[in-house]
Amino acid sequence: MSSKFALSMLEYAEMDLENCRILIEQDKLYNLIVLHAQQVVEKSLKALLTYHGEKIGNYHDTKSLCIKAEKIIIDFKDYRNDCSDLANVYVATHYPDINDDVILFTQNNAIKFYEIAKEIFSLVSNEIAE
């Protein structure tokens, strides 16, 4: 993988972040906001890891990606629990039949995950821009 791939992933992450922002302004579709927030984090972490020559594999586990990212940016330790929550979001939004109940995210969930996504995107953007 190359820095070109990393920059492309970061561009896609930025689009997902913009989708979150627009949906939050419309104050609806909270599950979709949370899904886009998860995608921001996943793509940002993959961008960071590939930029630094790490192999990322074909998986969506933001917690595992975050743990790998801690070796590059120590601040990611502060996001381990959030990334774990977002890993669960991926499953809940893609495979609702796995759970007995459908998970409906609230406005508070959406805003919380959007803020986390913005922070992680910013950390990665600053690292790659250097």
C-alpha atoms as a PDB file:
ATOM      1  CA  MET A   1       0.000   0.000   0.000  1.00  0.00           C
ATOM      2  CA  SER A   2       1.164   3.531  -0.586  1.00  0.00           C
ATOM      3  CA  SER A   3       0.722   7.054   0.641  1.00  0.00           C
ATOM      4  CA  LYS A   4      -1.537   7.549  -2.398  1.00  0.00           C
ATOM      5  CA  PHE A   5      -3.826   4.830  -1.004  1.00  0.00           C
ATOM      6  CA  ALA A   6      -3.677   6.440   2.443  1.00  0.00           C
ATOM      7  CA  LEU A   7      -4.653   9.827   1.047  1.00  0.00           C
ATOM      8  CA  SER A   8      -7.518   8.256  -0.911  1.00  0.00           C
ATOM      9  CA  MET A   9      -8.802   6.540   2.243  1.00  0.00           C
ATOM     10  CA  LEU A  10      -8.623   9.839   4.070  1.00  0.00           C
ATOM     11  CA  GLU A  11     -10.626  11.548   1.308  1.00  0.00           C
ATOM     12  CA  TYR A  12     -13.324   8.894   1.621  1.00  0.00           C
ATOM     13  CA  ALA A  13     -13.287   9.334   5.393  1.00  0.00           C
ATOM     14  CA  GLU A  14     -13.784  13.058   4.920  1.00  0.00           C
ATOM     15  CA  MET A  15     -16.831  12.393   2.722  1.00  0.00           C
ATOM     16  CA  ASP A  16     -18.311  10.164   5.435  1.00  0.00           C
ATOM     17  CA  LEU A  17     -17.628  12.903   7.978  1.00  0.00           C
ATOM     18  CA  GLU A  18     -19.479  15.396   5.794  1.00  0.00           C
ATOM     19  CA  ASN A  19     -22.393  12.954   5.522  1.00  0.00           C
ATOM     20  CA  CYS A  20     -22.520  12.829   9.328  1.00  0.00           C
ATOM     21  CA  ARG A  21     -22.539  16.608   9.576  1.00  0.00           C
ATOM     22  CA  ILE A  22     -25.375  16.988   7.053  1.00  0.00           C
ATOM     23  CA  LEU A  23     -27.494  14.306   8.708  1.00  0.00           C
ATOM     24  CA  ILE A  24     -26.946  15.789  12.170  1.00  0.00           C
ATOM     25  CA  GLU A  25     -28.119  19.166  10.879  1.00  0.00           C
ATOM     26  CA  GLN A  26     -31.267  17.448   9.611  1.00  0.00           C
ATOM     27  CA  ASP A  27     -31.675  15.780  13.028  1.00  0.00           C
ATOM     28  CA  LYS A  28     -32.705  12.388  11.692  1.00  0.00           C
ATOM     29  CA  LEU A  29     -31.433   9.006  10.546  1.00  0.00           C
ATOM     30  CA  TYR A  30     -29.318   8.446  13.647  1.00  0.00           C
ATOM     31  CA  ASN A  31     -28.358   4.901  12.658  1.00  0.00           C
ATOM     32  CA  LEU A  32     -26.962   6.246   9.401  1.00  0.00           C
ATOM     33  CA  ILE A  33     -24.989   8.947  11.216  1.00  0.00           C
ATOM     34  CA  VAL A  34     -23.479   6.335  13.510  1.00  0.00           C
ATOM     35  CA  LEU A  35     -22.649   4.098  10.536  1.00  0.00           C
ATOM     36  CA  HIS A  36     -20.884   6.971   8.751  1.00  0.00           C
ATOM     37  CA  ALA A  37     -19.008   7.828  11.959  1.00  0.00           C
ATOM     38  CA  GLN A  38     -17.794   4.232  12.153  1.00  0.00           C
ATOM     39  CA  GLN A  39     -16.669   4.459   8.538  1.00  0.00           C
ATOM     40  CA  VAL A  40     -14.771   7.700   9.227  1.00  0.00           C
ATOM     41  CA  VAL A  41     -12.851   6.027  12.020  1.00  0.00           C
ATOM     42  CA  GLU A  42     -12.175   2.820  10.089  1.00  0.00           C
ATOM     43  CA  LYS A  43     -10.964   4.633   6.971  1.00  0.00           C
ATOM     44  CA  SER A  44      -8.916   7.149   8.962  1.00  0.00           C
ATOM     45  CA  LEU A  45      -7.161   4.409  10.902  1.00  0.00           C
ATOM     46  CA  LYS A  46      -6.514   2.418   7.739  1.00  0.00           C
ATOM     47  CA  ALA A  47      -5.105   5.567   6.116  1.00  0.00           C
ATOM     48  CA  LEU A  48      -2.759   6.125   9.056  1.00  0.00           C
ATOM     49  CA  LEU A  49      -1.576   2.538   9.173  1.00  0.00           C
ATOM     50  CA  THR A  50      -0.949   2.222   5.442  1.00  0.00           C
ATOM     51  CA  TYR A  51       0.784   5.601   5.383  1.00  0.00           C
ATOM     52  CA  HIS A  52       3.233   4.170   7.903  1.00  0.00           C
ATOM     53  CA  GLY A  53       3.682   0.939   5.949  1.00  0.00           C
ATOM     54  CA  GLU A  54       1.529  -1.283   8.153  1.00  0.00           C
ATOM     55  CA  LYS A  55      -0.546  -4.075   6.674  1.00  0.00           C
ATOM     56  CA  ILE A  56      -4.217  -3.558   7.408  1.00  0.00           C
ATOM     57  CA  GLY A  57      -5.981  -6.647   6.124  1.00  0.00           C
ATOM     58  CA  ASN A  58      -9.559  -6.774   4.963  1.00  0.00           C
ATOM     59  CA  TYR A  59     -11.504  -6.331   8.172  1.00  0.00           C
ATOM     60  CA  HIS A  60     -13.579  -3.630   9.828  1.00  0.00           C
ATOM     61  CA  ASP A  61     -12.643  -4.021  13.489  1.00  0.00           C
ATOM     62  CA  THR A  62     -11.956  -0.467  14.577  1.00  0.00           C
ATOM     63  CA  LYS A  63     -10.740  -1.636  17.986  1.00  0.00           C
ATOM     64  CA  SER A  64      -7.979  -3.763  16.437  1.00  0.00           C
ATOM     65  CA  LEU A  65      -7.079  -0.953  14.051  1.00  0.00           C
ATOM     66  CA  CYS A  66      -6.941   1.487  16.960  1.00  0.00           C
ATOM     67  CA  ILE A  67      -4.604  -0.773  18.930  1.00  0.00           C
ATOM     68  CA  LYS A  68      -2.280  -0.945  15.917  1.00  0.00           C
ATOM     69  CA  ALA A  69      -2.500   2.847  15.540  1.00  0.00           C
ATOM     70  CA  GLU A  70      -1.365   3.321  19.167  1.00  0.00           C
ATOM     71  CA  LYS A  71       2.118   2.291  18.062  1.00  0.00           C
ATOM     72  CA  ILE A  72       2.187   5.325  15.768  1.00  0.00           C
ATOM     73  CA  ILE A  73       0.218   7.889  17.783  1.00  0.00           C
ATOM     74  CA  ILE A  74       0.101   7.170  21.502  1.00  0.00           C
ATOM     75  CA  ASP A  75      -3.041   9.334  21.874  1.00  0.00           C
ATOM     76  CA  PHE A  76      -5.061   6.552  20.299  1.00  0.00           C
ATOM     77  CA  LYS A  77      -4.961   4.740  23.652  1.00  0.00           C
ATOM     78  CA  ASP A  78      -7.553   7.295  24.749  1.00  0.00           C
ATOM     79  CA  TYR A  79      -9.861   6.091  21.966  1.00  0.00           C
ATOM     80  CA  ARG A  80      -9.631   2.338  22.515  1.00  0.00           C
ATOM     81  CA  ASN A  81     -13.036   2.048  24.219  1.00  0.00           C
ATOM     82  CA  ASP A  82     -14.660   4.313  21.652  1.00  0.00           C
ATOM     83  CA  CYS A  83     -13.200   2.239  18.828  1.00  0.00           C
ATOM     84  CA  SER A  84     -14.481  -0.895  20.544  1.00  0.00           C
ATOM     85  CA  ASP A  85     -17.968   0.637  20.655  1.00  0.00           C
ATOM     86  CA  LEU A  86     -17.679   1.552  16.983  1.00  0.00           C
ATOM     87  CA  ALA A  87     -16.642  -2.009  16.111  1.00  0.00           C
ATOM     88  CA  ASN A  88     -19.971  -3.096  17.595  1.00  0.00           C
ATOM     89  CA  VAL A  89     -21.721  -0.404  15.574  1.00  0.00           C
ATOM     90  CA  TYR A  90     -20.407  -1.949  12.371  1.00  0.00           C
ATOM     91  CA  VAL A  91     -21.973  -5.282  13.241  1.00  0.00           C
ATOM     92  CA  ALA A  92     -25.249  -3.735  14.476  1.00  0.00           C
ATOM     93  CA  THR A  93     -25.729  -1.594  11.369  1.00  0.00           C
ATOM     94  CA  HIS A  94     -24.704  -4.254   8.852  1.00  0.00           C
ATOM     95  CA  TYR A  95     -26.117  -7.409  10.400  1.00  0.00           C
ATOM     96  CA  PRO A  96     -29.187  -6.523  12.470  1.00  0.00           C
ATOM     97  CA  ASP A  97     -30.331 -10.143  12.498  1.00  0.00           C
ATOM     98  CA  ILE A  98     -27.395 -11.099  14.744  1.00  0.00           C
ATOM     99  CA  ASN A  99     -29.041  -9.409  17.727  1.00  0.00           C
ATOM    100  CA  ASP A 100     -32.386 -10.398  19.188  1.00  0.00           C
ATOM    101  CA  ASP A 101     -33.492  -6.773  19.097  1.00  0.00           C
ATOM    102  CA  VAL A 102     -32.977  -4.156  16.434  1.00  0.00           C
ATOM    103  CA  ILE A 103     -30.604  -1.501  17.734  1.00  0.00           C
ATOM    104  CA  LEU A 104     -31.842   2.023  17.184  1.00  0.00           C
ATOM    105  CA  PHE A 105     -29.304   4.704  17.920  1.00  0.00           C
ATOM    106  CA  THR A 106     -30.377   7.961  19.524  1.00  0.00           C
ATOM    107  CA  GLN A 107     -29.470  11.546  18.777  1.00  0.00           C
ATOM    108  CA  ASN A 108     -27.020  11.420  21.709  1.00  0.00           C
ATOM    109  CA  ASN A 109     -25.337   8.322  20.251  1.00  0.00           C
ATOM    110  CA  ALA A 110     -25.096   9.993  16.859  1.00  0.00           C
ATOM    111  CA  ILE A 111     -23.545  13.180  18.235  1.00  0.00           C
ATOM    112  CA  LYS A 112     -21.137  11.258  20.475  1.00  0.00           C
ATOM    113  CA  PHE A 113     -19.849   9.073  17.637  1.00  0.00           C
ATOM    114  CA  TYR A 114     -19.684  12.034  15.248  1.00  0.00           C
ATOM    115  CA  GLU A 115     -17.472  13.928  17.718  1.00  0.00           C
ATOM    116  CA  ILE A 116     -15.208  10.891  18.131  1.00  0.00           C
ATOM    117  CA  ALA A 117     -14.986  10.524  14.351  1.00  0.00           C
ATOM    118  CA  LYS A 118     -14.031  14.200  13.964  1.00  0.00           C
ATOM    119  CA  GLU A 119     -11.287  13.876  16.578  1.00  0.00           C
ATOM    120  CA  ILE A 120      -9.792  10.739  15.075  1.00  0.00           C
ATOM    121  CA  PHE A 121     -10.008  12.143  11.545  1.00  0.00           C
ATOM    122  CA  SER A 122      -8.210  15.277  12.741  1.00  0.00           C
ATOM    123  CA  LEU A 123      -5.443  13.309  14.473  1.00  0.00           C
ATOM    124  CA  VAL A 124      -4.839  11.234  11.348  1.00  0.00           C
ATOM    125  CA  SER A 125      -5.050  14.207   8.983  1.00  0.00           C
ATOM    126  CA  ASN A 126      -2.464  16.085  11.031  1.00  0.00           C
ATOM    127  CA  GLU A 127      -0.141  13.071  11.088  1.00  0.00           C
ATOM    128  CA  ILE A 128      -0.346  12.455   7.353  1.00  0.00           C
ATOM    129  CA  ALA A 129      -0.058  16.166   6.496  1.00  0.00           C
ATOM    130  CA  GLU A 130       3.296  16.427   8.299  1.00  0.00           C
END
